[in-house]
Amino acid sequence: MWDSLDLALASVSFLSLREKNLLKNNLDSLDALAVLSIEDISSIVGRTVKTSVWNGRECVRLAEAAGKIMAGFGISASVHRDPDFPPMLREMYDPPYMLFFRGNPECLNKKSVSVVGTRHVCPEAAEKTRDFCRDAALDGRLVVSGLAYGVDSWAHKGALLACGGGASQVTAAVLPCGIDSVVPYGNKKIAEAIVRDGGVLLSEYLPGIGAEPWRFVQRNRLIASLSPATVVMQAPPGSGALITASMALDYNRDLFFHEACFCGTAVELSKRQAERLKAQNTKTALNKLSHSADNYVSEGAAVIKDYKDFVLALENGRDIQIKQSQMELFDQVEN
C-alpha cells in the first residue's frame, strides 16, 4: 500500500529507487520530509547529493495536489515494494519508485509485445502496424506503446480492433506526463478507448506533472521493459524509437525490426533524414546518424514480416537459447 509520503518521494527526480526507499524507511510523515535540507538527505542516503532543485515544502505541495487529482480521476497506483507492481519492471536496473494507472493495471500481467516507431509514419508502415497489433491482440498478447502520433497511434488502434473479435485488455499506453492529462491531446479518444476496453494508461509521474522533452526519453525505458520483445515498425536515423530499441537490448529484451522499416517510402524518408543530420554536422546530429535500423540489423537484429513471423522468430530464439544452455551444461559435465 502507498501513502502521501510515497507520492512525495515519487516526485523526487534526483534520487534512485534505493535512496527513496532509505528516505521512506527513515521518515514517518510528509511533515518530516518537508523540513529536510539537502544535507539531511545526503546523510540519510549515504552520498553527497548535489542539486539546486530541492524544496521540501514544494515537494509536499505537489504530493497533496496529486492525491486530490487521483481521487477525482479514479487513478490507482502501485509502489515498487508492492506485490502487484508489474513483474517485468522488477527486472529493470532503474525501475520507477511508483506507477500510476487509469484503467486496468492487471492487464500488464499478460504476455505482451512493445511496438514503437516514428511519428512521421508512411502509409505502408501504418497499415502493417495496425495489422501486426490487431493480430497480436487476437492472439491474447498485450500491445504496449506510447500513445504518440504515428506508429504508436496505429499500434493502439490496431490492438483495439481486436475487441470486435472478442479480445479484451488489448493495449497499454505509457505516458510522459501525469495520467490526468493525455499527451498528445489529439489522441484523447484513443486513450478513452484503451481504458474503456480493459487496457491501461500508466505513468511514473505524479498526476498534475506536465510533459517535458526529457520525460519522453525516460518513459521509453518503461516501454522497452514492459515486454520481453520490442518491435520497431519504422524508424529513420535518430528516431526516438531507436532509443527504445537500444534500451530494449540494455534490459536484455528481444529486438525485432518489421520489414516495413525498409519499404520504399520508409527508405526514402530515412535518406532525407540522414541528409538533414549530415548537413547539421554537429556532434548530436552525427550521433543520431550512427543509430539506424540498418545498423541494428547488420549487428544481428531480426527482420520480421508480420505477427506470425514474429511468433516464429521468438520460438526459434528460445530453441537456440535452450540448445546453448544444453551445450553449456554438457561442457560443464565434460570438464
Protein backbone atom coordinates (compact mmCIF):
# COMPACT_ATOMS: atom_id res chain seq x y z
CA MET A 1 0.00 0.00 0.00
CA TRP A 2 1.10 3.56 -0.66
CA ASP A 3 0.62 6.76 1.29
CA SER A 4 1.15 10.50 0.83
CA LEU A 5 4.85 10.18 1.65
CA ASP A 6 5.20 7.78 -1.28
CA LEU A 7 3.60 10.36 -3.56
CA ALA A 8 6.15 12.93 -2.44
CA LEU A 9 9.09 10.59 -2.90
CA ALA A 10 7.86 9.61 -6.36
CA SER A 11 8.27 13.24 -7.45
CA VAL A 12 11.94 13.46 -6.45
CA SER A 13 13.84 13.05 -9.71
CA PHE A 14 17.42 13.19 -8.40
CA LEU A 15 17.25 10.13 -6.15
CA SER A 16 17.46 6.45 -7.11
CA LEU A 17 14.96 3.80 -6.06
CA ARG A 18 17.31 2.64 -3.31
CA GLU A 19 17.69 6.17 -1.98
CA LYS A 20 13.96 6.82 -1.99
CA ASN A 21 13.45 3.61 -0.04
CA LEU A 22 16.01 4.80 2.51
CA LEU A 23 14.09 8.04 2.97
CA LYS A 24 10.83 6.13 3.26
CA ASN A 25 12.29 3.92 5.99
CA ASN A 26 13.73 6.89 7.90
CA LEU A 27 10.74 9.22 7.79
CA ASP A 28 7.30 8.87 9.28
CA SER A 29 5.34 11.72 7.69
CA LEU A 30 5.14 14.34 4.98
CA ASP A 31 5.99 16.98 7.55
CA ALA A 32 9.28 15.24 8.30
CA LEU A 33 10.16 15.30 4.60
CA ALA A 34 9.17 18.95 4.21
CA VAL A 35 11.78 20.18 6.69
CA LEU A 36 14.71 18.11 5.36
CA SER A 37 17.69 20.02 3.99
CA ILE A 38 19.73 18.65 1.13
CA GLU A 39 22.44 17.92 3.71
CA ASP A 40 19.91 15.87 5.70
CA ILE A 41 19.03 13.90 2.57
CA SER A 42 22.71 13.33 1.82
CA SER A 43 23.24 11.95 5.30
CA ILE A 44 20.33 9.52 5.02
CA VAL A 45 21.17 8.19 1.55
CA GLY A 46 24.90 7.97 2.21
CA ARG A 47 26.24 10.24 -0.54
CA THR A 48 26.65 13.92 -1.20
CA VAL A 49 23.59 14.95 -3.16
CA LYS A 50 24.23 17.96 -5.36
CA THR A 51 21.10 19.62 -6.67
CA SER A 52 19.57 23.06 -6.77
CA VAL A 53 16.01 21.88 -7.25
CA TRP A 54 15.19 20.57 -3.77
CA ASN A 55 12.35 22.31 -1.99
CA GLY A 56 10.76 20.13 0.68
CA ARG A 57 7.62 22.17 1.09
CA GLU A 58 7.04 22.32 -2.67
CA CYS A 59 7.52 18.55 -2.81
CA VAL A 60 4.80 18.13 -0.19
CA ARG A 61 2.51 20.55 -2.03
CA LEU A 62 2.85 18.50 -5.24
CA ALA A 63 2.06 15.29 -3.35
CA GLU A 64 -1.05 16.76 -1.74
CA ALA A 65 -2.26 18.12 -5.08
CA ALA A 66 -1.62 14.75 -6.74
CA GLY A 67 -3.65 12.98 -4.08
CA LYS A 68 -6.65 15.20 -4.82
CA ILE A 69 -6.32 14.62 -8.57
CA MET A 70 -6.13 10.86 -8.03
CA ALA A 71 -9.33 10.91 -6.03
CA GLY A 72 -11.08 12.98 -8.70
CA PHE A 73 -9.96 10.88 -11.68
CA GLY A 74 -10.08 7.44 -10.09
CA ILE A 75 -6.33 6.96 -10.52
CA SER A 76 -4.77 3.95 -8.83
CA ALA A 77 -1.11 3.40 -8.01
CA SER A 78 1.49 0.83 -7.06
CA VAL A 79 4.82 1.25 -5.26
CA HIS A 80 7.82 -0.86 -6.22
CA ARG A 81 7.65 -2.80 -2.96
CA ASP A 82 4.01 -3.83 -3.55
CA PRO A 83 3.24 -7.38 -4.77
CA ASP A 84 1.08 -6.01 -7.61
CA PHE A 85 3.91 -3.95 -9.12
CA PRO A 86 4.33 -5.07 -12.78
CA PRO A 87 6.70 -8.05 -12.74
CA MET A 88 8.52 -7.10 -15.95
CA LEU A 89 9.58 -3.80 -14.39
CA ARG A 90 11.05 -5.53 -11.36
CA GLU A 91 13.79 -6.82 -13.67
CA MET A 92 14.97 -3.30 -14.54
CA TYR A 93 18.17 -1.89 -13.08
CA ASP A 94 16.47 1.53 -12.77
CA PRO A 95 12.78 0.85 -12.07
CA PRO A 96 10.38 3.62 -11.08
CA TYR A 97 9.58 4.07 -7.41
CA MET A 98 5.88 4.31 -8.15
CA LEU A 99 3.45 3.83 -11.04
CA PHE A 100 0.09 5.48 -11.63
CA PHE A 101 -2.78 3.88 -13.57
CA ARG A 102 -6.04 4.70 -15.27
CA GLY A 103 -7.85 1.60 -16.36
CA ASN A 104 -6.96 -1.98 -15.53
CA PRO A 105 -3.33 -2.50 -14.44
CA GLU A 106 -3.90 -6.27 -14.20
CA CYS A 107 -3.59 -6.44 -17.99
CA LEU A 108 0.16 -5.82 -17.51
CA ASN A 109 0.42 -9.41 -16.29
CA LYS A 110 -0.47 -10.74 -19.76
CA LYS A 111 2.10 -11.80 -22.33
CA SER A 112 2.99 -8.66 -24.26
CA VAL A 113 4.88 -7.02 -27.08
CA SER A 114 6.12 -3.42 -27.25
CA VAL A 115 5.58 -1.71 -30.61
CA VAL A 116 7.34 1.56 -31.46
CA GLY A 117 8.23 3.78 -34.37
CA THR A 118 8.36 7.23 -35.87
CA ARG A 119 5.68 9.89 -35.55
CA HIS A 120 6.01 10.54 -39.30
CA VAL A 121 4.83 7.11 -40.36
CA CYS A 122 4.39 6.23 -44.04
CA PRO A 123 1.12 4.61 -45.23
CA GLU A 124 2.62 1.13 -45.62
CA ALA A 125 4.15 1.10 -42.14
CA ALA A 126 0.89 2.43 -40.66
CA GLU A 127 -1.06 -0.41 -42.26
CA LYS A 128 1.48 -3.02 -41.20
CA THR A 129 1.47 -1.67 -37.64
CA ARG A 130 -2.32 -1.86 -37.47
CA ASP A 131 -2.36 -5.43 -38.79
CA PHE A 132 0.51 -6.63 -36.58
CA CYS A 133 -1.08 -5.25 -33.41
CA ARG A 134 -4.57 -6.50 -34.24
CA ASP A 135 -3.17 -10.00 -34.76
CA ALA A 136 -1.11 -9.77 -31.57
CA ALA A 137 -4.17 -8.76 -29.54
CA LEU A 138 -6.29 -11.52 -31.11
CA ASP A 139 -3.58 -13.94 -30.01
CA GLY A 140 -4.00 -12.76 -26.41
CA ARG A 141 -0.97 -10.50 -26.35
CA LEU A 142 -0.98 -7.02 -24.77
CA VAL A 143 0.32 -4.32 -27.11
CA VAL A 144 2.47 -1.74 -25.29
CA SER A 145 3.24 1.63 -26.87
CA GLY A 146 3.48 5.33 -26.06
CA LEU A 147 0.26 6.95 -27.45
CA ALA A 148 2.28 9.34 -29.64
CA TYR A 149 1.19 10.25 -33.14
CA GLY A 150 2.32 7.96 -35.95
CA VAL A 151 3.28 4.35 -35.24
CA ASP A 152 2.16 4.47 -31.59
CA SER A 153 -1.34 5.58 -32.57
CA TRP A 154 -1.65 2.82 -35.18
CA ALA A 155 -0.37 0.27 -32.65
CA HIS A 156 -3.09 1.13 -30.14
CA LYS A 157 -5.79 1.38 -32.82
CA GLY A 158 -4.79 -1.94 -34.32
CA ALA A 159 -4.97 -3.66 -30.94
CA LEU A 160 -8.35 -2.08 -30.22
CA LEU A 161 -9.70 -3.55 -33.47
CA ALA A 162 -9.32 -6.96 -31.85
CA CYS A 163 -12.00 -6.05 -29.33
CA GLY A 164 -14.51 -6.61 -32.14
CA GLY A 165 -13.16 -10.14 -32.38
CA GLY A 166 -13.80 -10.87 -28.73
CA ALA A 167 -10.41 -9.83 -27.32
CA SER A 168 -10.15 -7.62 -24.23
CA GLN A 169 -7.41 -5.91 -22.22
CA VAL A 170 -5.57 -5.44 -25.50
CA THR A 171 -3.25 -2.45 -25.10
CA ALA A 172 -1.32 -0.30 -22.63
CA ALA A 173 -0.07 3.25 -23.18
CA VAL A 174 2.90 4.67 -21.26
CA LEU A 175 2.65 8.45 -20.92
CA PRO A 176 5.41 11.07 -20.49
CA CYS A 177 3.32 13.07 -18.02
CA GLY A 178 0.78 12.64 -15.26
CA ILE A 179 -2.12 10.49 -16.46
CA ASP A 180 -4.74 13.06 -15.54
CA SER A 181 -3.92 14.50 -18.97
CA VAL A 182 -3.24 12.96 -22.38
CA VAL A 183 -0.21 13.83 -24.50
CA PRO A 184 -0.74 14.44 -27.35
CA TYR A 185 -4.25 15.77 -26.70
CA GLY A 186 -5.31 14.73 -30.20
CA ASN A 187 -5.13 11.08 -29.07
CA LYS A 188 -7.58 11.58 -26.22
CA LYS A 189 -10.21 9.39 -27.90
CA ILE A 190 -7.71 6.56 -28.28
CA ALA A 191 -6.83 6.90 -24.59
CA GLU A 192 -10.51 6.73 -23.65
CA ALA A 193 -10.97 3.61 -25.81
CA ILE A 194 -7.96 1.94 -24.18
CA VAL A 195 -9.46 2.39 -20.71
CA ARG A 196 -12.99 1.53 -21.82
CA ASP A 197 -11.91 -1.76 -23.38
CA GLY A 198 -9.95 -3.02 -20.37
CA GLY A 199 -6.49 -1.68 -21.14
CA VAL A 200 -4.48 0.77 -19.09
CA LEU A 201 -2.78 4.15 -19.20
CA LEU A 202 0.28 4.29 -16.96
CA SER A 203 2.99 6.71 -15.93
CA GLU A 204 5.71 7.03 -13.33
CA TYR A 205 4.96 10.75 -12.98
CA LEU A 206 2.66 12.27 -10.39
CA PRO A 207 -0.77 13.35 -11.61
CA GLY A 208 -0.51 17.06 -12.37
CA ILE A 209 3.01 16.79 -13.83
CA GLY A 210 3.31 18.06 -17.40
CA ALA A 211 5.28 16.56 -20.28
CA GLU A 212 8.85 17.74 -20.83
CA PRO A 213 11.30 16.60 -23.54
CA TRP A 214 13.43 14.51 -21.15
CA ARG A 215 10.35 12.69 -19.87
CA PHE A 216 9.65 11.27 -23.35
CA VAL A 217 13.07 9.62 -23.37
CA GLN A 218 12.73 8.41 -19.80
CA ARG A 219 9.33 6.81 -20.44
CA ASN A 220 10.84 4.87 -23.37
CA ARG A 221 12.69 2.67 -20.90
CA LEU A 222 9.32 1.55 -19.47
CA ILE A 223 8.00 0.72 -22.93
CA ALA A 224 11.14 -1.33 -23.60
CA SER A 225 10.96 -3.09 -20.23
CA LEU A 226 7.27 -3.95 -20.05
CA SER A 227 7.58 -6.62 -22.75
CA PRO A 228 10.03 -9.44 -23.44
CA ALA A 229 10.29 -8.16 -27.03
CA THR A 230 10.17 -4.81 -28.83
CA VAL A 231 9.21 -4.44 -32.50
CA VAL A 232 10.29 -1.34 -34.44
CA MET A 233 7.87 -0.64 -37.29
CA GLN A 234 9.55 2.36 -38.95
CA ALA A 235 12.39 4.49 -37.62
CA PRO A 236 14.59 6.93 -39.58
CA PRO A 237 18.08 7.68 -38.18
CA GLY A 238 17.89 9.42 -34.83
CA SER A 239 14.29 8.43 -34.21
CA GLY A 240 13.19 8.13 -30.59
CA ALA A 241 12.08 4.59 -31.45
CA LEU A 242 15.74 3.67 -31.89
CA ILE A 243 16.41 4.92 -28.35
CA THR A 244 13.75 2.47 -27.21
CA ALA A 245 15.41 -0.24 -29.31
CA SER A 246 18.73 0.42 -27.59
CA MET A 247 17.05 0.32 -24.19
CA ALA A 248 15.38 -2.99 -25.03
CA LEU A 249 18.81 -4.51 -25.63
CA ASP A 250 20.12 -2.92 -22.41
CA TYR A 251 17.32 -4.67 -20.50
CA ASN A 252 18.08 -7.99 -22.20
CA ARG A 253 14.86 -7.95 -24.24
CA ASP A 254 14.46 -9.31 -27.76
CA LEU A 255 14.54 -6.74 -30.56
CA PHE A 256 12.90 -7.03 -33.98
CA PHE A 257 12.52 -4.74 -36.97
CA HIS A 258 9.47 -5.04 -39.19
CA GLU A 259 10.15 -5.17 -42.92
CA ALA A 260 8.02 -2.01 -43.25
CA CYS A 261 11.14 -0.19 -41.98
CA PHE A 262 12.70 -0.96 -45.32
CA CYS A 263 9.83 -0.31 -47.72
CA GLY A 264 10.43 2.21 -50.50
CA THR A 265 8.80 5.20 -48.80
CA ALA A 266 10.42 4.48 -45.44
CA VAL A 267 13.86 4.18 -47.05
CA GLU A 268 13.36 7.48 -48.87
CA LEU A 269 12.31 9.22 -45.64
CA SER A 270 15.35 7.77 -43.87
CA LYS A 271 17.63 9.08 -46.60
CA ARG A 272 16.19 12.58 -46.27
CA GLN A 273 16.62 12.49 -42.51
CA ALA A 274 20.21 11.29 -42.90
CA GLU A 275 20.92 14.19 -45.26
CA ARG A 276 19.48 16.68 -42.77
CA LEU A 277 21.62 15.26 -39.98
CA LYS A 278 24.74 15.37 -42.15
CA ALA A 279 24.03 19.00 -43.07
CA GLN A 280 23.78 19.95 -39.37
CA ASN A 281 27.25 18.49 -38.83
CA THR A 282 27.01 18.67 -35.04
CA LYS A 283 28.10 16.06 -32.54
CA THR A 284 24.48 15.39 -31.61
CA ALA A 285 23.39 15.07 -35.24
CA LEU A 286 26.27 12.74 -36.12
CA ASN A 287 25.50 10.60 -33.08
CA LYS A 288 21.89 10.29 -34.24
CA LEU A 289 23.12 9.38 -37.71
CA SER A 290 25.05 6.45 -36.26
CA HIS A 291 21.80 4.97 -34.92
CA SER A 292 19.77 3.49 -37.74
CA ALA A 293 17.61 0.46 -38.46
CA ASP A 294 20.22 -0.75 -40.94
CA ASN A 295 22.90 -0.70 -38.26
CA TYR A 296 20.81 -2.72 -35.81
CA VAL A 297 20.00 -5.31 -38.45
CA SER A 298 23.64 -5.54 -39.56
CA GLU A 299 24.52 -6.21 -35.92
CA GLY A 300 22.09 -9.11 -35.70
CA ALA A 301 18.57 -7.80 -35.05
CA ALA A 302 15.96 -9.94 -36.79
CA VAL A 303 13.62 -8.64 -39.51
CA ILE A 304 10.01 -9.90 -39.47
CA LYS A 305 7.20 -9.52 -41.98
CA ASP A 306 4.08 -10.00 -39.81
CA TYR A 307 2.85 -11.23 -36.43
CA LYS A 308 3.10 -14.93 -37.37
CA ASP A 309 6.69 -14.34 -38.39
CA PHE A 310 7.31 -12.62 -35.05
CA VAL A 311 5.97 -15.62 -33.10
CA LEU A 312 8.14 -17.99 -35.13
CA ALA A 313 11.18 -15.79 -34.53
CA LEU A 314 10.51 -15.84 -30.78
CA GLU A 315 10.18 -19.61 -30.78
CA ASN A 316 13.36 -20.05 -32.81
CA GLY A 317 15.19 -17.74 -30.43
CA ARG A 318 14.06 -19.82 -27.47
CA ASP A 319 15.16 -23.00 -29.24
CA ILE A 320 18.61 -21.50 -29.78
CA GLN A 321 18.82 -20.43 -26.12
CA ILE A 322 17.80 -23.92 -24.96
CA LYS A 323 20.42 -25.53 -27.19
CA GLN A 324 23.07 -23.12 -25.92
CA SER A 325 22.13 -23.89 -22.32
CA GLN A 326 22.29 -27.62 -23.04
CA MET A 327 25.72 -27.23 -24.63
CA GLU A 328 26.97 -25.21 -21.64
CA LEU A 329 25.69 -27.92 -19.29
CA PHE A 330 27.36 -30.60 -21.41
CA ASP A 331 30.64 -28.69 -21.31
CA GLN A 332 30.42 -28.42 -17.50
CA VAL A 333 29.84 -32.17 -17.20
CA GLU A 334 32.76 -32.92 -19.54
CA ASN A 335 35.06 -30.66 -17.56
